[in-house]
PDB file of N, CA and C in Angstrom:
ATOM      1  N   MET A   1      23.721 -30.651 -37.776  1.00  0.00           N
ATOM      2  CA  MET A   1      22.591 -29.881 -37.276  1.00  0.00           C
ATOM      3  C   MET A   1      21.300 -30.615 -37.663  1.00  0.00           C
ATOM      4  N   THR A   2      20.383 -30.714 -36.740  1.00  0.00           N
ATOM      5  CA  THR A   2      19.134 -31.411 -37.037  1.00  0.00           C
ATOM      6  C   THR A   2      18.133 -30.462 -37.673  1.00  0.00           C
ATOM      7  N   ASP A   3      17.074 -31.043 -38.233  1.00  0.00           N
ATOM      8  CA  ASP A   3      16.037 -30.230 -38.866  1.00  0.00           C
ATOM      9  C   ASP A   3      15.369 -29.289 -37.876  1.00  0.00           C
ATOM     10  N   THR A   4      15.238 -29.713 -36.612  1.00  0.00           N
ATOM     11  CA  THR A   4      14.577 -28.853 -35.632  1.00  0.00           C
ATOM     12  C   THR A   4      15.371 -27.589 -35.379  1.00  0.00           C
ATOM     13  N   LEU A   5      16.658 -27.618 -35.641  1.00  0.00           N
ATOM     14  CA  LEU A   5      17.472 -26.424 -35.445  1.00  0.00           C
ATOM     15  C   LEU A   5      17.514 -25.557 -36.692  1.00  0.00           C
ATOM     16  N   ARG A   6      17.013 -26.048 -37.778  1.00  0.00           N
ATOM     17  CA  ARG A   6      17.053 -25.287 -39.027  1.00  0.00           C
ATOM     18  C   ARG A   6      15.837 -24.401 -39.221  1.00  0.00           C
ATOM     19  N   ALA A   7      14.736 -24.739 -38.588  1.00  0.00           N
ATOM     20  CA  ALA A   7      13.514 -23.958 -38.738  1.00  0.00           C
ATOM     21  C   ALA A   7      12.822 -23.867 -37.384  1.00  0.00           C
ATOM     22  N   PRO A   8      12.123 -22.764 -37.144  1.00  0.00           N
ATOM     23  CA  PRO A   8      11.390 -22.639 -35.884  1.00  0.00           C
ATOM     24  C   PRO A   8      10.347 -23.744 -35.746  1.00  0.00           C
ATOM     25  N   ARG A   9      10.150 -24.200 -34.526  1.00  0.00           N
ATOM     26  CA  ARG A   9       9.117 -25.210 -34.272  1.00  0.00           C
ATOM     27  C   ARG A   9       7.788 -24.488 -34.109  1.00  0.00           C
ATOM     28  N   MET A  10       7.088 -24.370 -35.204  1.00  0.00           N
ATOM     29  CA  MET A  10       5.798 -23.691 -35.215  1.00  0.00           C
ATOM     30  C   MET A  10       4.786 -24.574 -35.914  1.00  0.00           C
ATOM     31  N   THR A  11       3.602 -24.606 -35.362  1.00  0.00           N
ATOM     32  CA  THR A  11       2.524 -25.372 -35.996  1.00  0.00           C
ATOM     33  C   THR A  11       1.903 -24.539 -37.111  1.00  0.00           C
ATOM     34  N   GLU A  12       1.152 -25.207 -37.963  1.00  0.00           N
ATOM     35  CA  GLU A  12       0.428 -24.486 -39.016  1.00  0.00           C
ATOM     36  C   GLU A  12      -0.546 -23.482 -38.403  1.00  0.00           C
ATOM     37  N   ALA A  13      -1.145 -23.846 -37.273  1.00  0.00           N
ATOM     38  CA  ALA A  13      -2.084 -22.934 -36.599  1.00  0.00           C
ATOM     39  C   ALA A  13      -1.368 -21.669 -36.120  1.00  0.00           C
ATOM     40  N   GLU A  14      -0.150 -21.815 -35.609  1.00  0.00           N
ATOM     41  CA  GLU A  14       0.609 -20.644 -35.155  1.00  0.00           C
ATOM     42  C   GLU A  14       1.004 -19.758 -36.333  1.00  0.00           C
ATOM     43  N   ILE A  15       1.374 -20.372 -37.432  1.00  0.00           N
ATOM     44  CA  ILE A  15       1.714 -19.604 -38.631  1.00  0.00           C
ATOM     45  C   ILE A  15       0.481 -18.877 -39.149  1.00  0.00           C
ATOM     46  N   ASP A  16      -0.647 -19.579 -39.183  1.00  0.00           N
ATOM     47  CA  ASP A  16      -1.904 -18.956 -39.619  1.00  0.00           C
ATOM     48  C   ASP A  16      -2.286 -17.796 -38.707  1.00  0.00           C
ATOM     49  N   GLU A  17      -2.062 -17.961 -37.398  1.00  0.00           N
ATOM     50  CA  GLU A  17      -2.367 -16.893 -36.451  1.00  0.00           C
ATOM     51  C   GLU A  17      -1.521 -15.649 -36.747  1.00  0.00           C
ATOM     52  N   LEU A  18      -0.236 -15.857 -36.989  1.00  0.00           N
ATOM     53  CA  LEU A  18       0.645 -14.724 -37.327  1.00  0.00           C
ATOM     54  C   LEU A  18       0.169 -14.029 -38.588  1.00  0.00           C
ATOM     55  N   ARG A  19      -0.158 -14.805 -39.595  1.00  0.00           N
ATOM     56  CA  ARG A  19      -0.637 -14.230 -40.858  1.00  0.00           C
ATOM     57  C   ARG A  19      -1.921 -13.426 -40.642  1.00  0.00           C
ATOM     58  N   ALA A  20      -2.829 -13.965 -39.833  1.00  0.00           N
ATOM     59  CA  ALA A  20      -4.092 -13.275 -39.561  1.00  0.00           C
ATOM     60  C   ALA A  20      -3.859 -11.980 -38.800  1.00  0.00           C
ATOM     61  N   LEU A  21      -2.936 -12.007 -37.839  1.00  0.00           N
ATOM     62  CA  LEU A  21      -2.642 -10.795 -37.063  1.00  0.00           C
ATOM     63  C   LEU A  21      -1.988  -9.725 -37.923  1.00  0.00           C
ATOM     64  N   ARG A  22      -1.343 -10.127 -39.008  1.00  0.00           N
ATOM     65  CA  ARG A  22      -0.648  -9.190 -39.892  1.00  0.00           C
ATOM     66  C   ARG A  22      -1.579  -8.589 -40.937  1.00  0.00           C
ATOM     67  N   GLU A  23      -2.793  -9.066 -41.043  1.00  0.00           N
ATOM     68  CA  GLU A  23      -3.744  -8.547 -42.033  1.00  0.00           C
ATOM     69  C   GLU A  23      -3.963  -7.055 -41.838  1.00  0.00           C
ATOM     70  N   GLY A  24      -4.106  -6.353 -42.933  1.00  0.00           N
ATOM     71  CA  GLY A  24      -4.342  -4.915 -42.866  1.00  0.00           C
ATOM     72  C   GLY A  24      -3.048  -4.132 -42.988  1.00  0.00           C
ATOM     73  N   TYR A  25      -3.189  -2.824 -42.884  1.00  0.00           N
ATOM     74  CA  TYR A  25      -2.036  -1.945 -43.096  1.00  0.00           C
ATOM     75  C   TYR A  25      -1.289  -1.617 -41.813  1.00  0.00           C
ATOM     76  N   ARG A  26      -1.969  -1.682 -40.686  1.00  0.00           N
ATOM     77  CA  ARG A  26      -1.321  -1.358 -39.414  1.00  0.00           C
ATOM     78  C   ARG A  26      -0.627  -2.577 -38.837  1.00  0.00           C
ATOM     79  N   VAL A  27       0.533  -2.338 -38.251  1.00  0.00           N
ATOM     80  CA  VAL A  27       1.229  -3.392 -37.520  1.00  0.00           C
ATOM     81  C   VAL A  27       0.797  -3.248 -36.064  1.00  0.00           C
ATOM     82  N   THR A  28       0.073  -4.230 -35.578  1.00  0.00           N
ATOM     83  CA  THR A  28      -0.492  -4.139 -34.235  1.00  0.00           C
ATOM     84  C   THR A  28       0.476  -4.682 -33.192  1.00  0.00           C
ATOM     85  N   ASP A  29       0.243  -4.268 -31.951  1.00  0.00           N
ATOM     86  CA  ASP A  29       1.038  -4.797 -30.843  1.00  0.00           C
ATOM     87  C   ASP A  29       0.831  -6.300 -30.705  1.00  0.00           C
ATOM     88  N   ALA A  30      -0.387  -6.765 -30.949  1.00  0.00           N
ATOM     89  CA  ALA A  30      -0.677  -8.199 -30.849  1.00  0.00           C
ATOM     90  C   ALA A  30       0.207  -8.989 -31.830  1.00  0.00           C
ATOM     91  N   PHE A  31       0.341  -8.477 -33.043  1.00  0.00           N
ATOM     92  CA  PHE A  31       1.205  -9.129 -34.032  1.00  0.00           C
ATOM     93  C   PHE A  31       2.656  -9.099 -33.571  1.00  0.00           C
ATOM     94  N   LEU A  32       3.112  -7.940 -33.104  1.00  0.00           N
ATOM     95  CA  LEU A  32       4.505  -7.815 -32.674  1.00  0.00           C
ATOM     96  C   LEU A  32       4.813  -8.732 -31.500  1.00  0.00           C
ATOM     97  N   VAL A  33       3.876  -8.861 -30.577  1.00  0.00           N
ATOM     98  CA  VAL A  33       4.076  -9.744 -29.421  1.00  0.00           C
ATOM     99  C   VAL A  33       4.240 -11.186 -29.881  1.00  0.00           C
ATOM    100  N   ARG A  34       3.332 -11.650 -30.747  1.00  0.00           N
ATOM    101  CA  ARG A  34       3.405 -13.035 -31.215  1.00  0.00           C
ATOM    102  C   ARG A  34       4.657 -13.284 -32.044  1.00  0.00           C
ATOM    103  N   LEU A  35       4.999 -12.339 -32.925  1.00  0.00           N
ATOM    104  CA  LEU A  35       6.196 -12.491 -33.742  1.00  0.00           C
ATOM    105  C   LEU A  35       7.447 -12.536 -32.858  1.00  0.00           C
ATOM    106  N   ALA A  36       7.539 -11.605 -31.913  1.00  0.00           N
ATOM    107  CA  ALA A  36       8.700 -11.562 -31.019  1.00  0.00           C
ATOM    108  C   ALA A  36       8.804 -12.841 -30.190  1.00  0.00           C
ATOM    109  N   THR A  37       7.671 -13.362 -29.769  1.00  0.00           N
ATOM    110  CA  THR A  37       7.662 -14.609 -29.001  1.00  0.00           C
ATOM    111  C   THR A  37       8.229 -15.756 -29.833  1.00  0.00           C
ATOM    112  N   HIS A  38       7.766 -15.887 -31.060  1.00  0.00           N
ATOM    113  CA  HIS A  38       8.249 -16.963 -31.935  1.00  0.00           C
ATOM    114  C   HIS A  38       9.722 -16.754 -32.304  1.00  0.00           C
ATOM    115  N   TYR A  39      10.100 -15.530 -32.567  1.00  0.00           N
ATOM    116  CA  TYR A  39      11.486 -15.218 -32.949  1.00  0.00           C
ATOM    117  C   TYR A  39      12.427 -15.568 -31.797  1.00  0.00           C
ATOM    118  N   THR A  40      12.067 -15.118 -30.597  1.00  0.00           N
ATOM    119  CA  THR A  40      12.910 -15.361 -29.422  1.00  0.00           C
ATOM    120  C   THR A  40      12.993 -16.850 -29.116  1.00  0.00           C
ATOM    121  N   GLN A  41      11.866 -17.561 -29.202  1.00  0.00           N
ATOM    122  CA  GLN A  41      11.882 -19.004 -28.953  1.00  0.00           C
ATOM    123  C   GLN A  41      12.745 -19.721 -29.981  1.00  0.00           C
ATOM    124  N   ALA A  42      12.686 -19.288 -31.219  1.00  0.00           N
ATOM    125  CA  ALA A  42      13.519 -19.896 -32.262  1.00  0.00           C
ATOM    126  C   ALA A  42      14.999 -19.709 -31.936  1.00  0.00           C
ATOM    127  N   GLU A  43      15.357 -18.525 -31.463  1.00  0.00           N
ATOM    128  CA  GLU A  43      16.756 -18.295 -31.084  1.00  0.00           C
ATOM    129  C   GLU A  43      17.157 -19.182 -29.909  1.00  0.00           C
ATOM    130  N   ILE A  44      16.284 -19.294 -28.926  1.00  0.00           N
ATOM    131  CA  ILE A  44      16.558 -20.156 -27.771  1.00  0.00           C
ATOM    132  C   ILE A  44      16.754 -21.602 -28.220  1.00  0.00           C
ATOM    133  N   ASP A  45      15.961 -22.027 -29.195  1.00  0.00           N
ATOM    134  CA  ASP A  45      16.044 -23.390 -29.717  1.00  0.00           C
ATOM    135  C   ASP A  45      17.244 -23.612 -30.625  1.00  0.00           C
ATOM    136  N   GLY A  46      17.992 -22.559 -30.923  1.00  0.00           N
ATOM    137  CA  GLY A  46      19.190 -22.692 -31.742  1.00  0.00           C
ATOM    138  C   GLY A  46      18.963 -22.576 -33.233  1.00  0.00           C
ATOM    139  N   VAL A  47      17.829 -22.014 -33.625  1.00  0.00           N
ATOM    140  CA  VAL A  47      17.544 -21.834 -35.049  1.00  0.00           C
ATOM    141  C   VAL A  47      18.509 -20.806 -35.628  1.00  0.00           C
ATOM    142  N   VAL A  48      19.111 -21.159 -36.730  1.00  0.00           N
ATOM    143  CA  VAL A  48      20.000 -20.243 -37.422  1.00  0.00           C
ATOM    144  C   VAL A  48      19.141 -19.371 -38.333  1.00  0.00           C
ATOM    145  N   ASN A  49      19.242 -18.066 -38.171  1.00  0.00           N
ATOM    146  CA  ASN A  49      18.534 -17.095 -39.004  1.00  0.00           C
ATOM    147  C   ASN A  49      17.003 -17.229 -38.922  1.00  0.00           C
ATOM    148  N   PRO A  50      16.435 -17.038 -37.726  1.00  0.00           N
ATOM    149  CA  PRO A  50      14.977 -17.152 -37.595  1.00  0.00           C
ATOM    150  C   PRO A  50      14.217 -16.138 -38.453  1.00  0.00           C
ATOM    151  N   ALA A  51      14.811 -14.991 -38.730  1.00  0.00           N
ATOM    152  CA  ALA A  51      14.134 -13.971 -39.540  1.00  0.00           C
ATOM    153  C   ALA A  51      13.824 -14.510 -40.929  1.00  0.00           C
ATOM    154  N   ARG A  52      14.715 -15.286 -41.490  1.00  0.00           N
ATOM    155  CA  ARG A  52      14.503 -15.853 -42.827  1.00  0.00           C
ATOM    156  C   ARG A  52      13.301 -16.798 -42.823  1.00  0.00           C
ATOM    157  N   HIS A  53      13.234 -17.658 -41.809  1.00  0.00           N
ATOM    158  CA  HIS A  53      12.129 -18.615 -41.732  1.00  0.00           C
ATOM    159  C   HIS A  53      10.801 -17.908 -41.492  1.00  0.00           C
ATOM    160  N   LEU A  54      10.780 -16.961 -40.582  1.00  0.00           N
ATOM    161  CA  LEU A  54       9.540 -16.239 -40.303  1.00  0.00           C
ATOM    162  C   LEU A  54       9.099 -15.435 -41.522  1.00  0.00           C
ATOM    163  N   ALA A  55      10.054 -14.898 -42.258  1.00  0.00           N
ATOM    164  CA  ALA A  55       9.723 -14.169 -43.485  1.00  0.00           C
ATOM    165  C   ALA A  55       9.050 -15.099 -44.489  1.00  0.00           C
ATOM    166  N   GLU A  56       9.563 -16.318 -44.621  1.00  0.00           N
ATOM    167  CA  GLU A  56       8.950 -17.288 -45.536  1.00  0.00           C
ATOM    168  C   GLU A  56       7.528 -17.607 -45.099  1.00  0.00           C
ATOM    169  N   TYR A  57       7.331 -17.803 -43.807  1.00  0.00           N
ATOM    170  CA  TYR A  57       5.992 -18.124 -43.292  1.00  0.00           C
ATOM    171  C   TYR A  57       5.010 -16.988 -43.557  1.00  0.00           C
ATOM    172  N   LEU A  58       5.493 -15.749 -43.460  1.00  0.00           N
ATOM    173  CA  LEU A  58       4.615 -14.589 -43.611  1.00  0.00           C
ATOM    174  C   LEU A  58       4.510 -14.088 -45.052  1.00  0.00           C
ATOM    175  N   GLY A  59       5.386 -14.568 -45.907  1.00  0.00           N
ATOM    176  CA  GLY A  59       5.372 -14.121 -47.295  1.00  0.00           C
ATOM    177  C   GLY A  59       5.924 -12.719 -47.468  1.00  0.00           C
ATOM    178  N   VAL A  60       6.943 -12.391 -46.651  1.00  0.00           N
ATOM    179  CA  VAL A  60       7.595 -11.084 -46.725  1.00  0.00           C
ATOM    180  C   VAL A  60       9.097 -11.297 -46.856  1.00  0.00           C
ATOM    181  N   GLN A  61       9.827 -10.203 -47.017  1.00  0.00           N
ATOM    182  CA  GLN A  61      11.277 -10.289 -47.083  1.00  0.00           C
ATOM    183  C   GLN A  61      11.860 -10.388 -45.672  1.00  0.00           C
ATOM    184  N   ARG A  62      13.040 -10.972 -45.581  1.00  0.00           N
ATOM    185  CA  ARG A  62      13.733 -11.114 -44.292  1.00  0.00           C
ATOM    186  C   ARG A  62      13.879  -9.767 -43.607  1.00  0.00           C
ATOM    187  N   GLN A  63      14.220  -8.747 -44.366  1.00  0.00           N
ATOM    188  CA  GLN A  63      14.413  -7.410 -43.800  1.00  0.00           C
ATOM    189  C   GLN A  63      13.132  -6.891 -43.152  1.00  0.00           C
ATOM    190  N   THR A  64      11.990  -7.272 -43.681  1.00  0.00           N
ATOM    191  CA  THR A  64      10.714  -6.858 -43.105  1.00  0.00           C
ATOM    192  C   THR A  64      10.549  -7.431 -41.704  1.00  0.00           C
ATOM    193  N   VAL A  65      10.912  -8.692 -41.526  1.00  0.00           N
ATOM    194  CA  VAL A  65      10.843  -9.305 -40.192  1.00  0.00           C
ATOM    195  C   VAL A  65      11.783  -8.586 -39.237  1.00  0.00           C
ATOM    196  N   LEU A  66      12.977  -8.248 -39.695  1.00  0.00           N
ATOM    197  CA  LEU A  66      13.915  -7.519 -38.841  1.00  0.00           C
ATOM    198  C   LEU A  66      13.373  -6.139 -38.487  1.00  0.00           C
ATOM    199  N   THR A  67      12.668  -5.510 -39.407  1.00  0.00           N
ATOM    200  CA  THR A  67      12.024  -4.227 -39.121  1.00  0.00           C
ATOM    201  C   THR A  67      10.938  -4.412 -38.070  1.00  0.00           C
ATOM    202  N   TYR A  68      10.144  -5.462 -38.191  1.00  0.00           N
ATOM    203  CA  TYR A  68       9.128  -5.743 -37.173  1.00  0.00           C
ATOM    204  C   TYR A  68       9.773  -5.944 -35.800  1.00  0.00           C
ATOM    205  N   MET A  69      10.902  -6.621 -35.768  1.00  0.00           N
ATOM    206  CA  MET A  69      11.582  -6.850 -34.489  1.00  0.00           C
ATOM    207  C   MET A  69      12.089  -5.534 -33.899  1.00  0.00           C
ATOM    208  N   ARG A  70      12.574  -4.634 -34.743  1.00  0.00           N
ATOM    209  CA  ARG A  70      12.975  -3.306 -34.252  1.00  0.00           C
ATOM    210  C   ARG A  70      11.764  -2.564 -33.702  1.00  0.00           C
ATOM    211  N   MET A  71      10.641  -2.683 -34.392  1.00  0.00           N
ATOM    212  CA  MET A  71       9.404  -2.050 -33.918  1.00  0.00           C
ATOM    213  C   MET A  71       9.000  -2.628 -32.558  1.00  0.00           C
ATOM    214  N   ALA A  72       9.156  -3.917 -32.392  1.00  0.00           N
ATOM    215  CA  ALA A  72       8.811  -4.569 -31.123  1.00  0.00           C
ATOM    216  C   ALA A  72       9.684  -4.022 -29.987  1.00  0.00           C
ATOM    217  N   ARG A  73      10.962  -3.828 -30.257  1.00  0.00           N
ATOM    218  CA  ARG A  73      11.850  -3.248 -29.229  1.00  0.00           C
ATOM    219  C   ARG A  73      11.486  -1.795 -28.953  1.00  0.00           C
ATOM    220  N   ARG A  74      11.238  -1.050 -30.005  1.00  0.00           N
ATOM    221  CA  ARG A  74      10.939   0.377 -29.871  1.00  0.00           C
ATOM    222  C   ARG A  74       9.634   0.621 -29.106  1.00  0.00           C
ATOM    223  N   THR A  75       8.658  -0.230 -29.321  1.00  0.00           N
ATOM    224  CA  THR A  75       7.369  -0.057 -28.646  1.00  0.00           C
ATOM    225  C   THR A  75       7.344  -0.699 -27.263  1.00  0.00           C
ATOM    226  N   GLY A  76       8.432  -1.360 -26.882  1.00  0.00           N
ATOM    227  CA  GLY A  76       8.498  -1.976 -25.563  1.00  0.00           C
ATOM    228  C   GLY A  76       7.948  -3.385 -25.491  1.00  0.00           C
ATOM    229  N   VAL A  77       7.533  -3.926 -26.635  1.00  0.00           N
ATOM    230  CA  VAL A  77       7.031  -5.300 -26.671  1.00  0.00           C
ATOM    231  C   VAL A  77       8.155  -6.281 -26.383  1.00  0.00           C
ATOM    232  N   LEU A  78       9.349  -5.931 -26.790  1.00  0.00           N
ATOM    233  CA  LEU A  78      10.530  -6.767 -26.615  1.00  0.00           C
ATOM    234  C   LEU A  78      11.619  -5.910 -25.991  1.00  0.00           C
ATOM    235  N   SER A  79      12.314  -6.447 -25.005  1.00  0.00           N
ATOM    236  CA  SER A  79      13.360  -5.639 -24.362  1.00  0.00           C
ATOM    237  C   SER A  79      14.525  -5.432 -25.320  1.00  0.00           C
ATOM    238  N   LYS A  80      15.256  -4.364 -25.111  1.00  0.00           N
ATOM    239  CA  LYS A  80      16.354  -4.005 -26.004  1.00  0.00           C
ATOM    240  C   LYS A  80      17.516  -4.990 -25.937  1.00  0.00           C
ATOM    241  N   THR A  81      17.603  -5.797 -24.880  1.00  0.00           N
ATOM    242  CA  THR A  81      18.696  -6.762 -24.762  1.00  0.00           C
ATOM    243  C   THR A  81      18.465  -7.991 -25.605  1.00  0.00           C
ATOM    244  N   GLN A  82      17.230  -8.197 -26.074  1.00  0.00           N
ATOM    245  CA  GLN A  82      16.943  -9.334 -26.925  1.00  0.00           C
ATOM    246  C   GLN A  82      17.077  -8.916 -28.379  1.00  0.00           C
ATOM    247  N   PRO A  83      17.398  -9.871 -29.271  1.00  0.00           N
ATOM    248  CA  PRO A  83      17.531  -9.540 -30.698  1.00  0.00           C
ATOM    249  C   PRO A  83      16.244  -9.128 -31.348  1.00  0.00           C
TER     250      PRO A  83
END
């Protein structure tokens, strides 16, 4: 497996954008959209366990990223057929 398949292909600017969108106590739709976009692209690219990598980038636990993804599906940001 190559390094590109081990971690999502995200620039520092994209990671910074996610962190900035996550600021504050409310989880916004804008944050969920960007997170879901990166998560889904990572899966398409063959990344194993994208939640773990995104959690590291955001400084949260893996389970928190999975909760955000459930929120994205529940709010309609992400279709239910996608992870």
